[in-house]
N, C-alpha and C. Protein backbone atom coordinates (compact mmCIF):
# COMPACT_ATOMS: atom_id res chain seq x y z
N MET A 1 -1.35 -2.42 -14.72
CA MET A 1 -1.58 -3.62 -15.56
C MET A 1 -0.82 -4.85 -14.95
N GLU A 2 0.43 -4.57 -14.51
CA GLU A 2 1.31 -5.64 -13.97
C GLU A 2 0.64 -6.29 -12.76
N LEU A 3 0.10 -5.47 -11.90
CA LEU A 3 -0.59 -5.97 -10.69
C LEU A 3 -1.83 -6.73 -11.03
N LEU A 4 -2.60 -6.29 -12.03
CA LEU A 4 -3.77 -6.97 -12.42
C LEU A 4 -3.38 -8.36 -13.00
N GLN A 5 -2.28 -8.43 -13.73
CA GLN A 5 -1.77 -9.68 -14.30
C GLN A 5 -1.41 -10.62 -13.20
N LYS A 6 -0.93 -10.13 -12.06
CA LYS A 6 -0.58 -10.95 -10.91
C LYS A 6 -1.79 -11.38 -10.14
N GLY A 7 -2.95 -10.87 -10.49
CA GLY A 7 -4.21 -11.31 -9.84
C GLY A 7 -4.62 -10.38 -8.70
N ILE A 8 -4.02 -9.22 -8.60
CA ILE A 8 -4.34 -8.27 -7.51
C ILE A 8 -5.48 -7.38 -8.01
N ASP A 9 -6.54 -7.38 -7.29
CA ASP A 9 -7.74 -6.63 -7.64
C ASP A 9 -7.46 -5.10 -7.41
N ARG A 10 -7.95 -4.33 -8.37
CA ARG A 10 -7.77 -2.83 -8.31
C ARG A 10 -8.41 -2.25 -6.99
N ASP A 11 -9.52 -2.87 -6.65
CA ASP A 11 -10.18 -2.38 -5.40
C ASP A 11 -9.39 -2.60 -4.19
N ASP A 12 -8.60 -3.72 -4.15
CA ASP A 12 -7.70 -3.98 -3.01
C ASP A 12 -6.61 -2.97 -2.99
N ILE A 13 -6.08 -2.60 -4.14
CA ILE A 13 -5.00 -1.57 -4.24
C ILE A 13 -5.52 -0.23 -3.71
N ASP A 14 -6.69 0.13 -4.18
CA ASP A 14 -7.32 1.37 -3.74
C ASP A 14 -7.57 1.39 -2.25
N ALA A 15 -8.06 0.23 -1.72
CA ALA A 15 -8.36 0.13 -0.26
C ALA A 15 -7.07 0.29 0.56
N ALA A 16 -5.95 -0.37 0.09
CA ALA A 16 -4.69 -0.20 0.77
C ALA A 16 -4.23 1.19 0.76
N PHE A 17 -4.36 1.95 -0.36
CA PHE A 17 -3.97 3.29 -0.46
C PHE A 17 -4.78 4.14 0.50
N ALA A 18 -6.10 3.92 0.51
CA ALA A 18 -6.99 4.73 1.37
C ALA A 18 -6.64 4.57 2.84
N VAL A 19 -6.34 3.31 3.22
CA VAL A 19 -5.98 3.05 4.63
C VAL A 19 -4.63 3.75 4.93
N ALA A 20 -3.69 3.66 4.03
CA ALA A 20 -2.35 4.24 4.21
C ALA A 20 -2.50 5.79 4.36
N VAL A 21 -3.32 6.36 3.50
CA VAL A 21 -3.41 7.85 3.54
C VAL A 21 -4.13 8.28 4.84
N LYS A 22 -5.13 7.51 5.27
CA LYS A 22 -5.84 7.86 6.45
C LYS A 22 -4.90 7.83 7.68
N LYS A 23 -4.00 6.82 7.73
CA LYS A 23 -3.11 6.64 8.85
C LYS A 23 -1.89 7.56 8.81
N PHE A 24 -1.32 7.77 7.61
CA PHE A 24 -0.02 8.50 7.46
C PHE A 24 -0.08 9.81 6.66
N GLY A 25 -1.25 10.10 6.13
CA GLY A 25 -1.36 11.37 5.36
C GLY A 25 -0.85 11.29 3.93
N GLN A 26 -1.13 12.32 3.22
CA GLN A 26 -0.71 12.29 1.82
C GLN A 26 0.14 13.52 1.54
N PRO A 27 1.20 13.43 0.87
CA PRO A 27 1.74 12.24 0.19
C PRO A 27 2.29 11.26 1.25
N LEU A 28 2.36 10.00 0.84
CA LEU A 28 2.85 8.96 1.73
C LEU A 28 4.34 9.22 2.03
N PRO A 29 4.82 9.02 3.18
CA PRO A 29 6.19 9.28 3.57
C PRO A 29 7.18 8.39 2.80
N ASP A 30 8.31 8.95 2.49
CA ASP A 30 9.37 8.21 1.77
C ASP A 30 10.48 7.80 2.71
N ALA A 31 10.52 8.28 3.93
CA ALA A 31 11.58 7.96 4.89
C ALA A 31 11.56 6.41 5.14
N PRO A 32 12.69 5.75 5.14
CA PRO A 32 12.72 4.26 5.29
C PRO A 32 12.04 3.80 6.55
N GLN A 33 12.24 4.44 7.68
CA GLN A 33 11.65 3.95 8.91
C GLN A 33 10.12 4.10 8.85
N ILE A 34 9.63 5.15 8.34
CA ILE A 34 8.18 5.37 8.23
C ILE A 34 7.60 4.38 7.21
N LYS A 35 8.28 4.17 6.12
CA LYS A 35 7.78 3.27 5.09
C LYS A 35 7.66 1.85 5.66
N ILE A 36 8.63 1.41 6.42
CA ILE A 36 8.55 0.11 7.09
C ILE A 36 7.39 0.05 8.05
N LYS A 37 7.19 1.08 8.79
CA LYS A 37 6.07 1.11 9.73
C LYS A 37 4.73 1.03 8.97
N LEU A 38 4.62 1.72 7.90
CA LEU A 38 3.41 1.67 7.06
C LEU A 38 3.21 0.25 6.53
N GLN A 39 4.25 -0.37 6.01
CA GLN A 39 4.12 -1.75 5.52
C GLN A 39 3.67 -2.74 6.62
N ARG A 40 4.27 -2.61 7.81
CA ARG A 40 3.85 -3.52 8.89
C ARG A 40 2.39 -3.25 9.26
N TYR A 41 2.00 -1.96 9.26
CA TYR A 41 0.62 -1.65 9.61
C TYR A 41 -0.37 -2.24 8.62
N LEU A 42 -0.09 -2.12 7.33
CA LEU A 42 -0.95 -2.66 6.28
C LEU A 42 -0.96 -4.17 6.32
N LEU A 43 0.22 -4.80 6.53
CA LEU A 43 0.26 -6.26 6.65
C LEU A 43 -0.62 -6.73 7.77
N SER A 44 -0.57 -6.03 8.91
CA SER A 44 -1.43 -6.42 10.02
C SER A 44 -2.95 -6.23 9.72
N ARG A 45 -3.24 -5.47 8.78
CA ARG A 45 -4.65 -5.24 8.35
C ARG A 45 -5.09 -6.20 7.25
N GLY A 46 -4.18 -7.14 6.88
CA GLY A 46 -4.60 -8.21 5.89
C GLY A 46 -4.20 -7.92 4.46
N PHE A 47 -3.52 -6.87 4.19
CA PHE A 47 -3.09 -6.61 2.81
C PHE A 47 -1.88 -7.41 2.52
N SER A 48 -1.73 -7.87 1.22
CA SER A 48 -0.51 -8.59 0.83
C SER A 48 0.60 -7.62 0.55
N PHE A 49 1.81 -8.21 0.49
CA PHE A 49 2.97 -7.36 0.30
C PHE A 49 2.95 -6.74 -1.11
N ASP A 50 2.45 -7.49 -2.09
CA ASP A 50 2.36 -6.93 -3.44
C ASP A 50 1.38 -5.74 -3.49
N GLU A 51 0.31 -5.85 -2.77
CA GLU A 51 -0.65 -4.71 -2.71
C GLU A 51 -0.02 -3.49 -2.05
N ILE A 52 0.73 -3.76 -1.00
CA ILE A 52 1.41 -2.63 -0.29
C ILE A 52 2.42 -1.94 -1.18
N CYS A 53 3.22 -2.78 -1.82
CA CYS A 53 4.26 -2.17 -2.71
C CYS A 53 3.66 -1.43 -3.83
N SER A 54 2.47 -1.86 -4.28
CA SER A 54 1.80 -1.15 -5.43
C SER A 54 1.39 0.25 -5.10
N ILE A 55 1.06 0.55 -3.82
CA ILE A 55 0.65 1.90 -3.52
C ILE A 55 1.77 2.88 -3.73
N TYR A 56 3.02 2.42 -3.51
CA TYR A 56 4.12 3.33 -3.83
C TYR A 56 4.47 3.38 -5.25
N THR A 57 4.32 2.28 -5.96
CA THR A 57 4.58 2.22 -7.41
C THR A 57 3.59 3.03 -8.21
N ASN A 58 2.31 2.98 -7.78
CA ASN A 58 1.25 3.66 -8.54
C ASN A 58 0.99 5.07 -8.20
N LEU A 59 1.80 5.66 -7.42
CA LEU A 59 1.61 7.07 -7.02
C LEU A 59 1.84 8.06 -8.16
């Protein structure tokens, strides 16, 4: 709900999660170095930082 209130579309969140899982597997890694690598990868693919953070929040 919070992300929707910020104007982030649910489809964008789902797309970011799907890309992350495809690249890094599921469950998503919690190690700080891997998490940073995942964030940089998704940022380079055009996802916003809020969308990227939401995939960890919504797990």
